[in-house]
Amino acid sequence: MNELEKLLLEVQQLNETKVYEKVIELLPVSILEKFKNADLYAEKAIAYYKLKDYSQCEIIANISLEINPNNAKSNNYKGAVLNNNNKFEEAIQYYKRAIEGNPNYAAPYNNLGTSYVSLKLYDQAIKYYENAIELDSNFSTPYVGIGSIYLRKNLYDKAILFYNKAIEIDSNFSAYNGLGCVYFDLKKYDQAIELYNKAIECDPTFDGPYYNLGLTYYINKEYHKALENFEKYLMIVTETSPNSNFISLARARVVEINKFLKNAKYKDISELVNKIKELLIFKDESITHYTGLSAAKALILDKSKFRLSEGAFLNDTSEGRELYRHLSLPISKKLQETESILFSQKPFIGSFVTETKHDDLTLWRMYGKEEKEEAKGCAITIDMESLLKNIKENLTSKPANTDQAITNSARIDEEFTFYRVAYRKMGDEVKFIIPGADEKESILNAYMIELGNKVKKFTITKEAEKYENKDLIERLNEIAYLFKSIEYQHENEIRLVVKGIGFEKVIDDKSPKVYIELVPIRSLIKKITLGPKVDRADEWAAAFYYSLEKDELKPCIHISHLPFK
């Protein structure tokens, strides 16, 4: 064995045993230039990658590829750096070159799977993960990758199977975390907590399980433990982590839990608000959104993202007041000219109706407008579950470290949910009705009486405590837009109400209107209905049809002929 072969064998063993600093020490520039060997450069590139020095990894891999463009390891790790920088298509090309250089090298097959997951091409991802397993059945990472795909698809039995296969091979922290996510989704929180803790035992620097533990303890109302884990997550998470998109959510939870621990009355009201939200959850296949024709053009032809406006900017100025009238809070009354009010944040609101009301005279009159002209708008029917899934993936998606396949590793809770609107009826006694869910009305009315009593006990006597009152209003704002007067009950309205945490708050340059952008909806559209007074409706229908057909999308397109006057 010559000098080069001895050195190469030594650094390969060091990389395999994770002694990456020693590899870099053994391969200074002088040694690399002496041998000009692509494999030596590749081993140093690997060490830099494992130490998360991705820029140096890419530099060294590039030199290796100049010497030998077919070097499998350098192509693989150059692809890994590109993948981490969201350049998935470029990464895929390097992974494929790695396979051409060495068809028996399992790592690039696994990494191809991870890149295809980032592109949401799950069938291709599974194919390459399976290729990696065929080459190396003791390679746990592709099992994690397949498990994560099944977790995304809510195919929990299959996810459990593949995560457990990974765990049988080694104590894979990512597999334990993914398995915890399965049990979290199944609401088996004790099992989830046990698995998240096992993930932390395997790797205490892995941030995802800390966030997941915080959320699980929060749902279990174990607030001290929840606070401890959210704070641990915030201490160790980095901007390059696959879970860094959860930083703003964790910070919000820390603030919220501290309020709970400070004020038991506020905590009780908050928990009751969550019960009311849970009771009003709406689940169906589709929902319909009425909008102007210009907005429909932006969403369908221009491929714009769907927007939610902040509660203060809804068209109806009485929005959000009905709950406060029921609670007899001052915010529901007209203020005196000299009286000031402290600003409180409002959620972001999306207004929808059930699919059956996609062509409704009253809704065309009230919401299907174009430049204030009634019935000249458009009703867009959307696949509800796909919309929610896309929103969550958009918020949480960040490229995984390619040799760990940490995909979908942190969970989010009720932040993205559709709710039924309840309508307040005045009479001998106040009553709330829920169109389409009358079996829930007695429970809701009991909750509303309880909420009224709890709010009355939340008394503010000192000037300095106005800020506590602001906290109360912001908490109540989470459900304020789920209540309207009985006069609107025919709308059978459904609402998406979100806090907007994790989204950029955009301020319209032509007005002070504030909104957030969710996701494009072209691929989610099931039906388009043009209003009965739309000019050149056939032309609009053709434009929508052929624009969508280019992407192999074929929703039904209707032109309303209701007798609108």
Protein backbone atom coordinates (compact mmCIF):
# COMPACT_ATOMS: atom_id res chain seq x y z
CA MET A 1 0.00 0.00 0.00
CA ASN A 2 1.54 3.29 -1.06
CA GLU A 3 1.45 6.63 0.80
CA LEU A 4 -1.67 7.91 -0.98
CA GLU A 5 -3.61 4.71 -0.34
CA LYS A 6 -2.70 4.74 3.36
CA LEU A 7 -3.75 8.37 3.75
CA LEU A 8 -7.01 7.84 1.87
CA LEU A 9 -7.90 4.81 3.99
CA GLU A 10 -7.15 6.72 7.19
CA VAL A 11 -9.33 9.74 6.33
CA GLN A 12 -12.17 7.50 5.12
CA GLN A 13 -12.17 5.69 8.48
CA LEU A 14 -12.13 9.01 10.32
CA ASN A 15 -15.15 10.25 8.36
CA GLU A 16 -16.98 6.99 9.03
CA THR A 17 -16.28 7.34 12.77
CA LYS A 18 -17.32 11.03 12.74
CA VAL A 19 -13.89 12.45 13.61
CA TYR A 20 -14.32 15.22 11.05
CA GLU A 21 -11.92 17.79 12.56
CA LYS A 22 -9.08 15.24 12.31
CA VAL A 23 -9.80 14.75 8.58
CA ILE A 24 -9.40 18.45 7.94
CA GLU A 25 -6.20 18.50 10.02
CA LEU A 26 -4.72 15.63 8.02
CA LEU A 27 -5.56 17.23 4.66
CA PRO A 28 -4.03 20.72 4.51
CA VAL A 29 -3.70 22.43 1.14
CA SER A 30 -0.08 21.29 0.81
CA ILE A 31 -1.02 17.61 1.07
CA LEU A 32 -3.95 17.94 -1.32
CA GLU A 33 -1.82 19.75 -3.89
CA LYS A 34 0.91 17.15 -3.53
CA PHE A 35 -1.35 14.25 -4.51
CA LYS A 36 -3.99 16.06 -6.63
CA ASN A 37 -6.33 13.16 -5.93
CA ALA A 38 -10.11 13.64 -6.37
CA ASP A 39 -10.93 11.11 -3.64
CA LEU A 40 -8.84 12.97 -1.04
CA TYR A 41 -10.58 16.24 -1.88
CA ALA A 42 -13.91 14.41 -1.63
CA GLU A 43 -13.14 13.16 1.89
CA LYS A 44 -12.29 16.68 3.02
CA ALA A 45 -15.49 18.01 1.42
CA ILE A 46 -17.47 15.39 3.37
CA ALA A 47 -15.84 16.46 6.64
CA TYR A 48 -16.71 20.11 6.00
CA TYR A 49 -20.30 19.15 5.17
CA LYS A 50 -20.67 17.13 8.37
CA LEU A 51 -19.35 20.13 10.32
CA LYS A 52 -21.99 22.26 8.55
CA ASP A 53 -19.37 24.40 6.82
CA TYR A 54 -21.24 24.20 3.54
CA SER A 55 -19.33 26.91 1.69
CA GLN A 56 -15.99 25.15 2.26
CA CYS A 57 -17.58 21.83 1.35
CA GLU A 58 -18.66 23.23 -2.01
CA ILE A 59 -15.24 24.81 -2.70
CA ILE A 60 -13.38 21.56 -2.01
CA ALA A 61 -15.94 19.44 -3.91
CA ASN A 62 -15.56 21.72 -6.95
CA ILE A 63 -11.77 21.17 -6.96
CA SER A 64 -12.33 17.42 -6.73
CA LEU A 65 -14.70 17.56 -9.70
CA GLU A 66 -12.18 19.53 -11.74
CA ILE A 67 -9.78 16.60 -11.28
CA ASN A 68 -12.46 13.95 -11.86
CA PRO A 69 -15.95 15.11 -12.96
CA ASN A 70 -17.32 11.62 -12.24
CA ASN A 71 -16.22 11.46 -8.60
CA ALA A 72 -19.31 10.04 -6.89
CA LYS A 73 -18.78 11.44 -3.38
CA SER A 74 -17.97 14.97 -4.56
CA ASN A 75 -21.00 15.02 -6.85
CA ASN A 76 -23.14 13.76 -3.97
CA TYR A 77 -22.00 16.39 -1.49
CA LYS A 78 -22.07 19.21 -4.04
CA GLY A 79 -25.69 18.19 -4.57
CA ALA A 80 -26.29 18.20 -0.81
CA VAL A 81 -25.08 21.79 -0.53
CA LEU A 82 -27.34 22.84 -3.42
CA ASN A 83 -30.27 21.04 -1.82
CA ASN A 84 -29.73 22.93 1.44
CA ASN A 85 -29.81 26.17 -0.58
CA ASN A 86 -33.22 25.28 -2.09
CA LYS A 87 -31.67 24.56 -5.50
CA PHE A 88 -33.38 21.22 -5.79
CA GLU A 89 -33.28 20.77 -9.56
CA GLU A 90 -29.52 21.47 -9.63
CA ALA A 91 -29.00 19.16 -6.66
CA ILE A 92 -30.80 16.36 -8.51
CA GLN A 93 -28.42 16.65 -11.46
CA TYR A 94 -25.38 16.24 -9.19
CA TYR A 95 -26.93 13.29 -7.40
CA LYS A 96 -27.55 11.60 -10.73
CA ARG A 97 -23.93 12.23 -11.74
CA ALA A 98 -22.88 10.61 -8.45
CA ILE A 99 -24.92 7.53 -9.36
CA GLU A 100 -23.36 7.45 -12.82
CA GLY A 101 -19.92 7.57 -11.16
CA ASN A 102 -20.82 4.76 -8.75
CA PRO A 103 -24.18 2.99 -9.26
CA ASN A 104 -23.66 1.04 -6.01
CA TYR A 105 -23.31 4.17 -3.84
CA ALA A 106 -26.51 4.36 -1.74
CA ALA A 107 -26.23 7.94 -0.44
CA PRO A 108 -27.16 9.82 -3.65
CA TYR A 109 -30.26 7.64 -4.11
CA ASN A 110 -31.36 8.65 -0.61
CA ASN A 111 -30.57 12.28 -1.28
CA LEU A 112 -32.52 12.21 -4.54
CA GLY A 113 -35.46 11.06 -2.46
CA THR A 114 -35.06 14.03 -0.14
CA SER A 115 -34.86 16.53 -3.02
CA TYR A 116 -37.98 15.06 -4.60
CA VAL A 117 -39.76 15.38 -1.24
CA SER A 118 -38.88 19.09 -1.27
CA LEU A 119 -40.41 19.29 -4.76
CA LYS A 120 -43.48 17.39 -3.45
CA LEU A 121 -42.89 14.63 -6.01
CA TYR A 122 -43.50 11.87 -3.53
CA ASP A 123 -43.74 8.90 -5.89
CA GLN A 124 -40.29 9.67 -7.31
CA ALA A 125 -38.97 10.19 -3.79
CA ILE A 126 -40.17 6.78 -2.63
CA LYS A 127 -38.63 5.15 -5.71
CA TYR A 128 -35.16 6.52 -4.92
CA TYR A 129 -35.45 5.82 -1.20
CA GLU A 130 -36.25 2.21 -2.11
CA ASN A 131 -33.22 2.13 -4.43
CA ALA A 132 -31.04 3.22 -1.50
CA ILE A 133 -32.50 0.48 0.71
CA GLU A 134 -31.88 -2.17 -1.99
CA LEU A 135 -28.21 -1.17 -2.09
CA ASP A 136 -27.81 -0.96 1.69
CA SER A 137 -30.52 -2.53 3.83
CA ASN A 138 -28.76 -1.24 6.97
CA PHE A 139 -29.06 2.39 5.84
CA SER A 140 -31.71 3.78 8.21
CA THR A 141 -32.16 7.23 6.64
CA PRO A 142 -34.22 6.24 3.57
CA TYR A 143 -36.63 4.37 5.88
CA VAL A 144 -37.11 7.68 7.71
CA GLY A 145 -37.67 9.43 4.39
CA ILE A 146 -40.41 7.01 3.34
CA GLY A 147 -41.97 7.20 6.80
CA SER A 148 -42.06 10.97 6.55
CA ILE A 149 -43.84 10.82 3.19
CA TYR A 150 -46.50 8.55 4.62
CA LEU A 151 -46.81 10.89 7.60
CA ARG A 152 -47.47 13.79 5.22
CA LYS A 153 -50.11 11.68 3.49
CA ASN A 154 -51.71 10.76 6.85
CA LEU A 155 -51.03 7.07 6.11
CA TYR A 156 -50.10 6.44 9.70
CA ASP A 157 -49.84 2.63 9.68
CA LYS A 158 -47.31 2.77 6.85
CA ALA A 159 -45.42 5.62 8.52
CA ILE A 160 -45.15 3.63 11.76
CA LEU A 161 -43.85 0.60 9.82
CA PHE A 162 -41.00 2.51 8.15
CA TYR A 163 -40.03 4.55 11.21
CA ASN A 164 -39.79 1.35 13.24
CA LYS A 165 -37.62 -0.25 10.55
CA ALA A 166 -35.23 2.70 10.86
CA ILE A 167 -35.18 2.34 14.65
CA GLU A 168 -34.41 -1.41 14.36
CA ILE A 169 -31.26 -0.51 12.40
CA ASP A 170 -29.98 2.19 14.75
CA SER A 171 -31.16 4.70 17.34
CA ASN A 172 -32.24 7.17 14.68
CA PHE A 173 -33.29 10.42 16.38
CA SER A 174 -35.20 11.51 13.28
CA ALA A 175 -37.19 8.25 13.24
CA TYR A 176 -38.14 8.62 16.91
CA ASN A 177 -39.22 12.21 16.27
CA GLY A 178 -41.24 11.23 13.19
CA LEU A 179 -42.90 8.41 15.08
CA GLY A 180 -43.75 10.92 17.82
CA CYS A 181 -45.41 13.09 15.17
CA VAL A 182 -47.55 10.14 14.09
CA TYR A 183 -48.85 9.63 17.63
CA PHE A 184 -49.31 13.38 18.04
CA ASP A 185 -51.55 13.42 14.98
CA LEU A 186 -53.44 10.42 16.38
CA LYS A 187 -53.86 12.40 19.64
CA LYS A 188 -51.98 9.72 21.59
CA TYR A 189 -49.99 12.33 23.43
CA ASP A 190 -48.36 10.11 26.08
CA GLN A 191 -46.75 7.96 23.38
CA ALA A 192 -45.74 11.07 21.45
CA ILE A 193 -44.01 12.54 24.51
CA GLU A 194 -42.12 9.28 25.14
CA LEU A 195 -40.88 9.17 21.55
CA TYR A 196 -39.87 12.84 21.42
CA ASN A 197 -37.81 12.28 24.57
CA LYS A 198 -36.11 9.27 22.94
CA ALA A 199 -35.22 11.49 19.97
CA ILE A 200 -33.61 13.97 22.37
CA GLU A 201 -31.69 11.17 24.12
CA CYS A 202 -30.24 10.17 20.72
CA ASP A 203 -29.26 13.73 19.85
CA PRO A 204 -29.79 16.54 22.42
CA THR A 205 -28.85 19.12 19.76
CA PHE A 206 -31.79 18.18 17.50
CA ASP A 207 -34.24 21.07 17.95
CA GLY A 208 -37.45 19.61 16.45
CA PRO A 209 -38.47 17.35 19.36
CA TYR A 210 -38.20 20.23 21.85
CA TYR A 211 -40.76 22.22 19.88
CA ASN A 212 -42.95 19.15 19.52
CA LEU A 213 -42.75 18.44 23.25
CA GLY A 214 -43.66 22.04 24.02
CA LEU A 215 -46.73 21.84 21.82
CA THR A 216 -47.81 18.46 23.20
CA TYR A 217 -47.48 19.62 26.81
CA TYR A 218 -49.37 22.80 25.88
CA ILE A 219 -52.28 20.75 24.53
CA ASN A 220 -52.18 18.66 27.72
CA LYS A 221 -52.32 21.94 29.72
CA GLU A 222 -48.99 21.13 31.36
CA TYR A 223 -47.86 24.70 30.92
CA HIS A 224 -44.64 24.66 32.96
CA LYS A 225 -43.30 21.71 30.93
CA ALA A 226 -44.49 23.32 27.71
CA LEU A 227 -42.67 26.55 28.56
CA GLU A 228 -39.47 24.65 29.44
CA ASN A 229 -39.39 22.86 26.09
CA PHE A 230 -40.29 25.86 23.94
CA GLU A 231 -37.46 27.78 25.62
CA LYS A 232 -35.02 24.89 25.03
CA TYR A 233 -36.04 24.84 21.37
CA LEU A 234 -35.39 28.59 21.07
CA MET A 235 -31.98 28.19 22.73
CA ILE A 236 -30.67 25.60 20.27
CA VAL A 237 -32.51 26.23 16.98
CA THR A 238 -30.50 27.88 14.21
CA GLU A 239 -31.58 29.75 11.09
CA THR A 240 -30.34 26.83 8.95
CA SER A 241 -32.39 24.24 10.84
CA PRO A 242 -35.23 22.49 8.97
CA ASN A 243 -37.41 23.61 11.89
CA SER A 244 -36.39 27.28 12.05
CA ASN A 245 -39.74 28.34 10.56
CA PHE A 246 -41.23 27.52 13.96
CA ILE A 247 -39.22 30.18 15.80
CA SER A 248 -41.98 32.80 15.66
CA LEU A 249 -44.60 30.23 16.71
CA ALA A 250 -42.48 29.14 19.69
CA ARG A 251 -41.90 32.74 20.78
CA ALA A 252 -45.63 33.40 20.64
CA ARG A 253 -46.30 30.33 22.76
CA VAL A 254 -43.74 31.44 25.36
CA VAL A 255 -45.45 34.83 25.65
CA GLU A 256 -48.87 33.19 25.87
CA ILE A 257 -47.87 30.63 28.52
CA ASN A 258 -46.26 33.31 30.67
CA LYS A 259 -49.60 35.14 30.62
CA PHE A 260 -51.34 31.92 31.70
CA LEU A 261 -48.95 31.45 34.60
CA LYS A 262 -49.32 35.07 35.65
CA ASN A 263 -53.13 35.25 35.59
CA ALA A 264 -55.33 32.20 36.28
CA LYS A 265 -58.49 34.02 35.15
CA TYR A 266 -56.93 34.80 31.79
CA LYS A 267 -55.88 31.14 31.49
CA ASP A 268 -59.43 29.94 32.18
CA ILE A 269 -60.85 32.27 29.52
CA SER A 270 -58.20 31.18 27.04
CA GLU A 271 -59.00 27.52 27.56
CA LEU A 272 -62.71 28.23 27.10
CA VAL A 273 -61.96 30.13 23.88
CA ASN A 274 -60.14 27.03 22.62
CA LYS A 275 -63.17 24.87 23.47
CA ILE A 276 -65.46 27.19 21.50
CA LYS A 277 -63.10 27.09 18.52
CA GLU A 278 -62.99 23.31 18.65
CA LEU A 279 -66.79 23.11 18.76
CA LEU A 280 -67.14 25.32 15.67
CA ILE A 281 -64.58 23.44 13.53
CA PHE A 282 -65.93 22.80 10.04
CA LYS A 283 -64.93 19.73 8.05
CA ASP A 284 -66.02 19.08 4.50
CA GLU A 285 -64.50 18.32 1.12
CA SER A 286 -64.87 21.79 -0.37
CA ILE A 287 -65.59 25.43 0.39
CA THR A 288 -66.55 28.35 -1.88
CA HIS A 289 -65.11 31.86 -1.86
CA TYR A 290 -66.98 34.80 -3.43
CA THR A 291 -64.77 37.53 -4.81
CA GLY A 292 -64.46 40.17 -7.53
CA LEU A 293 -63.60 39.23 -11.09
CA SER A 294 -60.32 41.15 -10.90
CA ALA A 295 -59.33 39.14 -7.80
CA ALA A 296 -60.30 35.90 -9.58
CA LYS A 297 -58.12 36.94 -12.52
CA ALA A 298 -55.17 37.45 -10.17
CA LEU A 299 -55.68 34.07 -8.51
CA ILE A 300 -56.35 32.04 -11.65
CA LEU A 301 -54.60 33.73 -14.58
CA ASP A 302 -51.79 35.52 -12.72
CA LYS A 303 -51.18 32.66 -10.25
CA SER A 304 -51.21 35.00 -7.24
CA LYS A 305 -51.37 33.69 -3.70
CA PHE A 306 -54.64 33.71 -1.77
CA ARG A 307 -54.80 36.60 0.70
CA LEU A 308 -56.35 37.02 4.12
CA SER A 309 -57.11 40.53 5.38
CA GLU A 310 -56.56 41.61 8.97
CA GLY A 311 -59.87 41.79 10.85
CA ALA A 312 -59.89 45.60 10.93
CA PHE A 313 -60.12 45.73 7.13
CA LEU A 314 -63.23 43.64 6.52
CA ASN A 315 -65.93 45.34 4.45
CA ASP A 316 -68.57 45.25 7.18
CA THR A 317 -67.62 47.72 9.93
CA SER A 318 -69.79 45.82 12.44
CA GLU A 319 -67.66 42.70 12.02
CA GLY A 320 -66.35 41.24 15.25
CA ARG A 321 -68.77 43.21 17.45
CA GLU A 322 -71.49 40.63 18.10
CA LEU A 323 -69.42 38.66 20.60
CA TYR A 324 -68.56 41.80 22.53
CA ARG A 325 -72.22 42.81 22.62
CA HIS A 326 -73.01 39.45 24.17
CA LEU A 327 -70.22 39.95 26.72
CA SER A 328 -71.25 43.59 27.36
CA LEU A 329 -67.70 44.77 26.80
CA PRO A 330 -67.07 48.47 25.99
CA ILE A 331 -65.49 47.59 22.63
CA SER A 332 -69.00 46.85 21.32
CA LYS A 333 -70.26 50.36 22.09
CA LYS A 334 -69.70 53.66 20.38
CA LEU A 335 -66.91 55.52 22.13
CA GLN A 336 -67.16 59.11 23.24
CA GLU A 337 -65.27 61.58 21.04
CA THR A 338 -62.66 62.21 23.73
CA GLU A 339 -62.24 58.57 24.73
CA SER A 340 -59.15 56.68 23.58
CA ILE A 341 -58.80 52.99 23.02
CA LEU A 342 -55.69 50.84 23.10
CA PHE A 343 -54.91 49.09 19.80
CA SER A 344 -55.28 45.32 19.94
CA GLN A 345 -54.18 42.87 17.28
CA LYS A 346 -56.85 41.11 15.27
CA PRO A 347 -56.60 37.83 13.39
CA PHE A 348 -56.54 37.46 9.63
CA ILE A 349 -59.83 36.38 8.13
CA GLY A 350 -60.87 34.40 5.06
CA SER A 351 -64.61 34.24 4.32
CA PHE A 352 -66.19 31.23 2.61
CA VAL A 353 -69.50 29.41 2.31
CA THR A 354 -70.40 25.77 1.81
CA GLU A 355 -70.00 24.36 -1.71
CA THR A 356 -73.78 24.09 -2.13
CA LYS A 357 -73.99 27.89 -2.12
CA HIS A 358 -71.65 28.43 -5.08
CA ASP A 359 -74.52 30.08 -7.02
CA ASP A 360 -76.69 32.02 -4.57
CA LEU A 361 -78.63 35.24 -5.28
CA THR A 362 -78.07 36.76 -1.85
CA LEU A 363 -74.35 36.00 -1.91
CA TRP A 364 -73.98 37.45 -5.42
CA ARG A 365 -75.59 40.60 -4.09
CA MET A 366 -73.44 40.90 -0.98
CA TYR A 367 -70.05 39.43 -1.90
CA GLY A 368 -69.86 38.59 -5.62
CA LYS A 369 -69.13 42.18 -6.60
CA GLU A 370 -66.73 43.84 -9.01
CA GLU A 371 -65.97 47.48 -8.25
CA LYS A 372 -69.08 47.58 -6.02
CA GLU A 373 -71.36 46.28 -8.81
CA GLU A 374 -73.39 43.33 -7.58
CA ALA A 375 -73.33 39.89 -9.26
CA LYS A 376 -70.37 40.79 -11.49
CA GLY A 377 -67.94 38.73 -9.45
CA CYS A 378 -66.90 35.13 -9.27
CA ALA A 379 -67.31 32.19 -6.88
CA ILE A 380 -64.33 29.84 -6.59
CA THR A 381 -64.85 26.40 -5.05
CA ILE A 382 -61.67 24.95 -3.51
CA ASP A 383 -60.62 21.57 -2.15
CA MET A 384 -60.57 22.41 1.55
CA GLU A 385 -58.24 19.73 2.89
CA SER A 386 -55.69 20.33 0.13
CA LEU A 387 -55.76 24.06 0.86
CA LEU A 388 -55.05 23.49 4.55
CA LYS A 389 -52.32 20.98 3.76
CA ASN A 390 -50.63 23.37 1.32
CA ILE A 391 -50.77 26.24 3.82
CA LYS A 392 -49.16 24.12 6.53
CA GLU A 393 -46.49 22.77 4.21
CA ASN A 394 -45.72 26.28 2.99
CA LEU A 395 -45.23 27.45 6.55
CA THR A 396 -43.20 24.47 7.70
CA SER A 397 -41.29 23.42 4.58
CA LYS A 398 -37.57 23.95 4.61
CA PRO A 399 -34.98 21.73 2.97
CA ALA A 400 -33.93 18.81 5.12
CA ASN A 401 -30.33 17.97 5.81
CA THR A 402 -29.96 15.50 2.98
CA ASP A 403 -28.37 12.65 4.91
CA GLN A 404 -30.86 12.84 7.77
CA ALA A 405 -34.15 13.19 5.84
CA ILE A 406 -35.66 15.32 8.59
CA THR A 407 -38.90 16.05 6.81
CA ASN A 408 -42.09 17.34 8.36
CA SER A 409 -40.43 16.98 11.75
CA ALA A 410 -42.33 19.58 13.76
CA ARG A 411 -46.08 19.85 14.20
CA ILE A 412 -48.50 22.76 14.21
CA ASP A 413 -51.83 22.76 15.96
CA GLU A 414 -55.12 24.56 15.37
CA GLU A 415 -53.61 27.61 13.69
CA PHE A 416 -55.09 26.65 10.31
CA THR A 417 -58.67 25.49 10.66
CA PHE A 418 -62.02 26.31 9.08
CA TYR A 419 -64.81 27.27 11.46
CA ARG A 420 -68.56 27.60 11.18
CA VAL A 421 -70.02 31.02 11.97
CA ALA A 422 -72.62 31.10 14.78
CA TYR A 423 -75.47 33.62 14.69
CA ARG A 424 -76.76 35.52 17.71
CA LYS A 425 -80.53 35.63 18.15
CA MET A 426 -82.09 38.16 20.51
CA GLY A 427 -85.35 37.47 22.34
CA ASP A 428 -86.47 36.51 25.81
CA GLU A 429 -83.04 34.98 26.13
CA VAL A 430 -79.93 35.28 23.99
CA LYS A 431 -79.39 32.23 21.83
CA PHE A 432 -76.72 31.25 19.31
CA ILE A 433 -77.56 29.05 16.36
CA ILE A 434 -75.16 27.10 14.12
CA PRO A 435 -76.63 26.39 10.66
CA GLY A 436 -75.78 22.85 9.61
CA ALA A 437 -74.71 21.83 13.12
CA ASP A 438 -77.76 22.39 15.32
CA GLU A 439 -76.77 19.41 17.48
CA LYS A 440 -73.92 21.52 18.84
CA GLU A 441 -76.04 24.57 19.72
CA SER A 442 -76.86 23.59 23.32
CA ILE A 443 -73.16 23.07 24.10
CA LEU A 444 -72.23 26.36 22.45
CA ASN A 445 -74.87 28.28 24.40
CA ALA A 446 -73.61 26.75 27.65
CA TYR A 447 -70.07 27.80 26.72
CA MET A 448 -71.23 31.33 25.90
CA ILE A 449 -72.94 31.72 29.28
CA GLU A 450 -69.79 30.43 30.98
CA LEU A 451 -67.64 32.81 28.93
CA GLY A 452 -69.82 35.75 29.94
CA ASN A 453 -69.43 34.86 33.61
CA LYS A 454 -65.65 34.43 33.35
CA VAL A 455 -65.22 37.73 31.51
CA LYS A 456 -67.21 39.57 34.20
CA LYS A 457 -64.83 38.22 36.82
CA PHE A 458 -61.87 39.45 34.82
CA THR A 459 -62.12 42.91 36.38
CA ILE A 460 -59.61 45.68 35.78
CA THR A 461 -59.34 48.29 38.52
CA LYS A 462 -55.92 49.90 38.03
CA GLU A 463 -54.83 52.10 35.16
CA ALA A 464 -51.63 50.06 34.70
CA GLU A 465 -53.70 46.92 34.18
CA LYS A 466 -55.21 48.17 30.91
CA TYR A 467 -52.53 46.12 29.19
CA GLU A 468 -53.99 43.00 30.77
CA ASN A 469 -57.35 44.02 29.34
CA LYS A 470 -55.64 44.31 25.95
CA ASP A 471 -54.48 40.69 26.35
CA LEU A 472 -58.08 39.66 27.01
CA ILE A 473 -59.38 41.46 23.92
CA GLU A 474 -56.69 39.91 21.72
CA ARG A 475 -57.60 36.45 23.02
CA LEU A 476 -61.32 37.06 22.42
CA ASN A 477 -60.52 38.37 18.94
CA GLU A 478 -59.62 34.79 18.03
CA ILE A 479 -63.35 33.95 18.09
CA ALA A 480 -64.92 37.39 17.65
CA TYR A 481 -65.18 36.91 13.88
CA LEU A 482 -67.01 33.62 14.30
CA PHE A 483 -70.16 35.37 15.55
CA LYS A 484 -72.64 37.45 13.57
CA SER A 485 -76.18 38.73 13.99
CA ILE A 486 -79.11 36.42 13.18
CA GLU A 487 -79.91 38.60 10.12
CA TYR A 488 -76.96 36.94 8.34
CA GLN A 489 -77.85 33.31 9.09
CA HIS A 490 -78.86 32.59 5.48
CA GLU A 491 -75.18 32.95 4.47
CA ASN A 492 -74.18 29.74 6.27
CA GLU A 493 -70.70 31.26 6.39
CA ILE A 494 -67.45 29.38 6.97
CA ARG A 495 -64.31 31.22 8.07
CA LEU A 496 -60.61 30.65 8.12
CA VAL A 497 -59.28 32.58 11.12
CA VAL A 498 -55.52 32.66 11.71
CA LYS A 499 -53.18 34.69 13.87
CA GLY A 500 -50.76 35.13 11.00
CA ILE A 501 -47.73 34.04 13.02
CA GLY A 502 -44.92 33.08 10.67
CA PHE A 503 -46.30 35.09 7.74
CA GLU A 504 -45.06 38.46 6.52
CA LYS A 505 -47.61 41.22 7.22
CA VAL A 506 -47.97 43.07 3.92
CA ILE A 507 -49.17 46.68 3.87
CA ASP A 508 -50.93 47.73 0.66
CA ASP A 509 -49.06 50.61 -0.95
CA LYS A 510 -52.33 52.31 -1.98
CA SER A 511 -53.98 52.12 1.46
CA PRO A 512 -53.14 51.10 5.01
CA LYS A 513 -54.77 47.68 4.42
CA VAL A 514 -52.80 44.82 6.00
CA TYR A 515 -52.89 41.26 4.70
CA ILE A 516 -50.96 38.01 4.60
CA GLU A 517 -50.39 35.78 1.58
CA LEU A 518 -51.01 32.05 1.93
CA VAL A 519 -50.51 29.86 -1.16
CA PRO A 520 -51.50 29.79 -4.85
CA ILE A 521 -54.85 28.01 -5.32
CA ARG A 522 -54.97 27.17 -9.06
CA SER A 523 -54.30 23.47 -8.49
CA LEU A 524 -56.90 23.33 -5.70
CA ILE A 525 -59.86 24.75 -7.66
CA LYS A 526 -62.73 22.34 -8.21
CA LYS A 527 -65.31 24.74 -9.63
CA ILE A 528 -65.54 28.31 -10.94
CA THR A 529 -68.90 30.09 -11.13
CA LEU A 530 -69.19 33.42 -12.93
CA GLY A 531 -71.82 35.83 -11.61
CA PRO A 532 -75.13 36.36 -13.45
CA LYS A 533 -74.20 39.90 -14.47
CA VAL A 534 -70.60 39.30 -15.60
CA ASP A 535 -69.95 41.00 -18.94
CA ARG A 536 -68.52 38.70 -21.64
CA ALA A 537 -68.89 35.71 -19.32
CA ASP A 538 -68.15 33.21 -22.13
CA GLU A 539 -64.82 34.92 -22.80
CA TRP A 540 -63.87 34.88 -19.11
CA ALA A 541 -64.85 31.20 -18.91
CA ALA A 542 -62.66 30.38 -21.93
CA ALA A 543 -59.70 32.32 -20.50
CA PHE A 544 -59.95 30.49 -17.18
CA TYR A 545 -60.43 27.12 -18.88
CA TYR A 546 -57.44 27.29 -21.23
CA SER A 547 -55.14 28.84 -18.63
CA LEU A 548 -55.84 25.98 -16.25
CA GLU A 549 -55.73 23.35 -18.99
CA LYS A 550 -52.06 24.26 -19.64
CA ASP A 551 -51.30 22.82 -16.21
CA GLU A 552 -53.59 19.83 -16.82
CA LEU A 553 -56.18 21.28 -14.45
CA LYS A 554 -59.84 20.93 -15.41
CA PRO A 555 -62.25 22.30 -12.81
CA CYS A 556 -65.91 22.70 -13.78
CA ILE A 557 -66.73 26.21 -14.99
CA HIS A 558 -70.28 27.52 -14.60
CA ILE A 559 -71.93 30.71 -15.82
CA SER A 560 -74.76 31.68 -13.51
CA HIS A 561 -78.12 32.50 -15.07
CA LEU A 562 -79.98 33.25 -11.86
CA PRO A 563 -82.65 35.94 -12.39
CA PHE A 564 -80.67 38.75 -10.77
CA LYS A 565 -82.30 42.18 -10.77
